[in-house]
């Protein structure tokens, strides 16, 4: 387990590297003081909460993105939509062949 603060190639910009449980996460932070503060916060969270502390590193972005993602269409829905889209772009025989194969 470890949390390290490292400087980017550009002076004055820092990132943290977190290694825990065989996983590694790199996160850009910004100023050195902010990076050191965040590193201490994450290190404490890893000691207290273990693997659950990964959410602190990602913030709420992962949870928010899951709730805001659109439902993925089924293959049938996607194929039907695709066939409608290409109908005028291909010959009728080609369209029929595609439809029968799907």
Protein backbone atom coordinates (compact mmCIF):
# COMPACT_ATOMS: atom_id res chain seq x y z
CA UNK A 1 0.00 0.00 0.00
CA UNK A 2 1.25 3.44 -0.80
CA UNK A 3 0.28 6.92 -1.81
CA UNK A 4 2.94 9.06 -3.47
CA UNK A 5 2.91 12.63 -4.72
CA UNK A 6 4.86 13.19 -7.93
CA UNK A 7 5.56 16.26 -10.03
CA UNK A 8 4.60 16.39 -13.68
CA UNK A 9 7.03 17.48 -16.36
CA UNK A 10 5.53 20.96 -16.08
CA UNK A 11 6.78 22.56 -12.85
CA UNK A 12 4.20 23.22 -10.17
CA UNK A 13 1.71 20.56 -11.28
CA UNK A 14 1.44 17.38 -9.25
CA UNK A 15 -0.33 14.05 -9.35
CA UNK A 16 -0.74 11.20 -6.90
CA UNK A 17 -0.08 7.51 -7.41
CA UNK A 18 -2.08 5.12 -5.24
CA UNK A 19 -1.17 1.44 -4.98
CA UNK A 20 -3.39 -0.82 -2.92
CA UNK A 21 -4.40 -4.47 -3.14
CA UNK A 22 -2.60 -5.07 -6.43
CA UNK A 23 -4.31 -2.08 -8.06
CA UNK A 24 -2.81 1.21 -9.17
CA UNK A 25 -4.55 4.53 -9.74
CA UNK A 26 -2.98 7.76 -10.98
CA UNK A 27 -4.84 11.03 -10.51
CA UNK A 28 -3.86 14.57 -11.52
CA UNK A 29 -4.37 17.00 -8.66
CA UNK A 30 -2.69 20.35 -9.36
CA UNK A 31 -0.72 22.40 -6.80
CA UNK A 32 1.66 20.58 -4.46
CA UNK A 33 -0.19 21.52 -1.26
CA UNK A 34 -3.47 20.22 -2.64
CA UNK A 35 -1.81 17.00 -3.83
CA UNK A 36 -0.18 16.38 -0.46
CA UNK A 37 -3.47 17.04 1.33
CA UNK A 38 -5.38 14.66 -0.97
CA UNK A 39 -2.65 12.02 -0.61
CA UNK A 40 -2.88 12.14 3.19
CA UNK A 41 -6.67 11.92 2.99
CA UNK A 42 -6.53 8.89 0.70
CA UNK A 43 -3.86 7.16 2.77
CA UNK A 44 -6.01 7.55 5.90
CA UNK A 45 -9.07 6.29 4.03
CA UNK A 46 -7.17 3.23 2.77
CA UNK A 47 -6.10 2.40 6.33
CA UNK A 48 -9.62 2.81 7.68
CA UNK A 49 -11.80 1.48 4.85
CA UNK A 50 -9.49 -0.65 2.72
CA UNK A 51 -10.73 -1.32 -0.81
CA UNK A 52 -13.85 0.82 -0.28
CA UNK A 53 -11.58 3.88 -0.29
CA UNK A 54 -11.19 3.61 -4.09
CA UNK A 55 -14.44 5.59 -4.31
CA UNK A 56 -12.70 8.49 -2.61
CA UNK A 57 -10.05 8.52 -5.31
CA UNK A 58 -12.59 8.52 -8.12
CA UNK A 59 -14.94 10.85 -6.30
CA UNK A 60 -18.61 10.44 -7.04
CA UNK A 61 -17.97 10.53 -10.79
CA UNK A 62 -18.18 6.77 -11.20
CA UNK A 63 -21.47 6.49 -9.29
CA UNK A 64 -22.98 9.47 -11.13
CA UNK A 65 -21.92 8.16 -14.52
CA UNK A 66 -23.60 4.81 -13.82
CA UNK A 67 -26.89 6.49 -13.00
CA UNK A 68 -26.74 8.81 -16.03
CA UNK A 69 -25.77 6.27 -18.69
CA UNK A 70 -28.33 5.39 -21.33
CA UNK A 71 -29.57 1.84 -21.61
CA UNK A 72 -27.63 -0.15 -24.17
CA UNK A 73 -29.90 -1.41 -26.95
CA UNK A 74 -30.29 -5.12 -27.47
CA UNK A 75 -28.85 -6.69 -30.60
CA UNK A 76 -32.36 -6.99 -32.05
CA UNK A 77 -33.13 -3.31 -31.46
CA UNK A 78 -29.80 -2.22 -32.89
CA UNK A 79 -30.15 -4.48 -35.97
CA UNK A 80 -33.65 -3.19 -36.70
CA UNK A 81 -32.51 0.41 -36.45
CA UNK A 82 -29.45 -0.29 -38.62
CA UNK A 83 -31.56 -1.98 -41.29
CA UNK A 84 -33.87 1.05 -41.42
CA UNK A 85 -30.89 3.39 -41.74
CA UNK A 86 -29.23 1.55 -44.63
CA UNK A 87 -32.40 0.72 -46.57
CA UNK A 88 -31.98 3.55 -49.10
CA UNK A 89 -28.19 3.17 -49.32
CA UNK A 90 -28.12 -0.44 -50.60
CA UNK A 91 -29.86 -2.46 -53.27
CA UNK A 92 -33.15 -4.13 -52.26
CA UNK A 93 -31.58 -7.57 -52.69
CA UNK A 94 -28.68 -6.63 -50.41
CA UNK A 95 -31.08 -5.26 -47.81
CA UNK A 96 -33.13 -8.46 -47.92
CA UNK A 97 -29.95 -10.55 -47.57
CA UNK A 98 -28.87 -8.53 -44.51
CA UNK A 99 -32.35 -8.82 -42.98
CA UNK A 100 -32.47 -12.58 -43.47
CA UNK A 101 -28.99 -13.01 -41.95
CA UNK A 102 -29.91 -11.04 -38.88
